[in-house]
Amino acid sequence: MSKPTLESTILNLAHSYAEPADLLKAVRKVHPSASKKDIMHATLRTMIEAAEGKEGIARHLHKLVMDNRSGEFEGA
């Protein structure tokens, strides 16, 4: 069985976590070798794709990126 992509993991977990740090931790459990940069780029790609058809997900993912744009994740 192949590992899911970062984008599919983010999309699947986006509604399960209210706080960006919790979503990040969940994504890192599935993709432990992914860098912060990889996760943020995948989140932005997912957000752009979701904005065209999945109400609410884009807003939640935007918050993840905006809350973590400083360079370091709190609690992750």
C-alpha atoms as a PDB file:
ATOM      1  CA  MET A   1       0.000   0.000   0.000  1.00  0.00           C
ATOM      2  CA  SER A   2       1.439   3.359  -0.987  1.00  0.00           C
ATOM      3  CA  LYS A   3       1.719   6.289   1.364  1.00  0.00           C
ATOM      4  CA  PRO A   4      -0.862   9.066   0.822  1.00  0.00           C
ATOM      5  CA  THR A   5       0.353  12.370  -0.554  1.00  0.00           C
ATOM      6  CA  LEU A   6       0.753  15.370   1.726  1.00  0.00           C
ATOM      7  CA  GLU A   7      -2.154  17.029  -0.070  1.00  0.00           C
ATOM      8  CA  SER A   8      -4.514  14.105   0.457  1.00  0.00           C
ATOM      9  CA  THR A   9      -3.502  13.794   4.115  1.00  0.00           C
ATOM     10  CA  ILE A  10      -4.091  17.505   4.707  1.00  0.00           C
ATOM     11  CA  LEU A  11      -7.447  17.399   2.950  1.00  0.00           C
ATOM     12  CA  ASN A  12      -8.564  14.333   4.914  1.00  0.00           C
ATOM     13  CA  LEU A  13      -7.523  15.802   8.269  1.00  0.00           C
ATOM     14  CA  ALA A  14      -8.508  19.449   7.755  1.00  0.00           C
ATOM     15  CA  HIS A  15     -11.922  19.213   9.418  1.00  0.00           C
ATOM     16  CA  SER A  16     -10.749  16.999  12.265  1.00  0.00           C
ATOM     17  CA  TYR A  17      -8.564  19.594  13.984  1.00  0.00           C
ATOM     18  CA  ALA A  18      -9.666  23.061  15.106  1.00  0.00           C
ATOM     19  CA  GLU A  19      -6.168  24.325  15.876  1.00  0.00           C
ATOM     20  CA  PRO A  20      -3.448  24.632  13.235  1.00  0.00           C
ATOM     21  CA  ALA A  21      -0.807  23.152  15.545  1.00  0.00           C
ATOM     22  CA  ASP A  22      -2.973  20.056  16.074  1.00  0.00           C
ATOM     23  CA  LEU A  23      -3.455  19.635  12.332  1.00  0.00           C
ATOM     24  CA  LEU A  24       0.281  19.994  11.800  1.00  0.00           C
ATOM     25  CA  LYS A  25       1.025  17.321  14.401  1.00  0.00           C
ATOM     26  CA  ALA A  26      -1.458  14.960  12.754  1.00  0.00           C
ATOM     27  CA  VAL A  27       0.083  15.537   9.315  1.00  0.00           C
ATOM     28  CA  ARG A  28       3.556  14.957  10.729  1.00  0.00           C
ATOM     29  CA  LYS A  29       2.456  11.616  12.205  1.00  0.00           C
ATOM     30  CA  VAL A  30       1.644  10.431   8.678  1.00  0.00           C
ATOM     31  CA  HIS A  31       4.600  12.226   7.029  1.00  0.00           C
ATOM     32  CA  PRO A  32       7.368  12.422   9.668  1.00  0.00           C
ATOM     33  CA  SER A  33      10.072  13.338   7.169  1.00  0.00           C
ATOM     34  CA  ALA A  34       8.127  16.245   5.639  1.00  0.00           C
ATOM     35  CA  SER A  35       9.663  19.637   6.327  1.00  0.00           C
ATOM     36  CA  LYS A  36       7.659  22.649   7.426  1.00  0.00           C
ATOM     37  CA  LYS A  37       8.180  24.107   3.976  1.00  0.00           C
ATOM     38  CA  ASP A  38       6.862  20.927   2.315  1.00  0.00           C
ATOM     39  CA  ILE A  39       3.764  20.951   4.519  1.00  0.00           C
ATOM     40  CA  MET A  40       3.055  24.644   3.955  1.00  0.00           C
ATOM     41  CA  HIS A  41       3.443  24.300   0.177  1.00  0.00           C
ATOM     42  CA  ALA A  42       1.167  21.249   0.163  1.00  0.00           C
ATOM     43  CA  THR A  43      -1.321  23.150   2.317  1.00  0.00           C
ATOM     44  CA  LEU A  44      -1.347  26.070  -0.097  1.00  0.00           C
ATOM     45  CA  ARG A  45      -1.830  23.742  -3.070  1.00  0.00           C
ATOM     46  CA  THR A  46      -4.671  21.990  -1.248  1.00  0.00           C
ATOM     47  CA  MET A  47      -6.222  25.310  -0.252  1.00  0.00           C
ATOM     48  CA  ILE A  48      -6.186  26.550  -3.840  1.00  0.00           C
ATOM     49  CA  GLU A  49      -7.771  23.340  -5.098  1.00  0.00           C
ATOM     50  CA  ALA A  50     -10.340  23.310  -2.271  1.00  0.00           C
ATOM     51  CA  ALA A  51     -11.321  26.929  -2.848  1.00  0.00           C
ATOM     52  CA  GLU A  52     -12.892  25.879  -6.112  1.00  0.00           C
ATOM     53  CA  GLY A  53     -15.288  23.392  -4.585  1.00  0.00           C
ATOM     54  CA  LYS A  54     -14.991  22.479  -0.908  1.00  0.00           C
ATOM     55  CA  GLU A  55     -16.616  25.108   1.301  1.00  0.00           C
ATOM     56  CA  GLY A  56     -14.850  25.771   4.589  1.00  0.00           C
ATOM     57  CA  ILE A  57     -11.690  23.763   3.991  1.00  0.00           C
ATOM     58  CA  ALA A  58      -9.879  26.630   2.281  1.00  0.00           C
ATOM     59  CA  ARG A  59     -10.559  28.947   5.218  1.00  0.00           C
ATOM     60  CA  HIS A  60      -9.292  26.367   7.718  1.00  0.00           C
ATOM     61  CA  LEU A  61      -6.134  25.679   5.694  1.00  0.00           C
ATOM     62  CA  HIS A  62      -5.520  29.403   5.237  1.00  0.00           C
ATOM     63  CA  LYS A  63      -5.497  29.746   9.019  1.00  0.00           C
ATOM     64  CA  LEU A  64      -2.892  26.967   9.280  1.00  0.00           C
ATOM     65  CA  VAL A  65      -0.573  28.741   6.858  1.00  0.00           C
ATOM     66  CA  MET A  66      -1.111  32.212   8.326  1.00  0.00           C
ATOM     67  CA  ASP A  67      -0.626  31.034  11.917  1.00  0.00           C
ATOM     68  CA  ASN A  68       2.676  29.414  10.965  1.00  0.00           C
ATOM     69  CA  ARG A  69       4.262  31.827   8.533  1.00  0.00           C
ATOM     70  CA  SER A  70       6.910  32.967  11.051  1.00  0.00           C
ATOM     71  CA  GLY A  71       9.147  29.950  10.518  1.00  0.00           C
ATOM     72  CA  GLU A  72       8.655  27.924  13.691  1.00  0.00           C
ATOM     73  CA  PHE A  73       5.665  25.858  14.756  1.00  0.00           C
ATOM     74  CA  GLU A  74       4.492  26.191  18.309  1.00  0.00           C
ATOM     75  CA  GLY A  75       4.060  22.828  19.947  1.00  0.00           C
ATOM     76  CA  ALA A  76       5.161  20.868  16.893  1.00  0.00           C
END
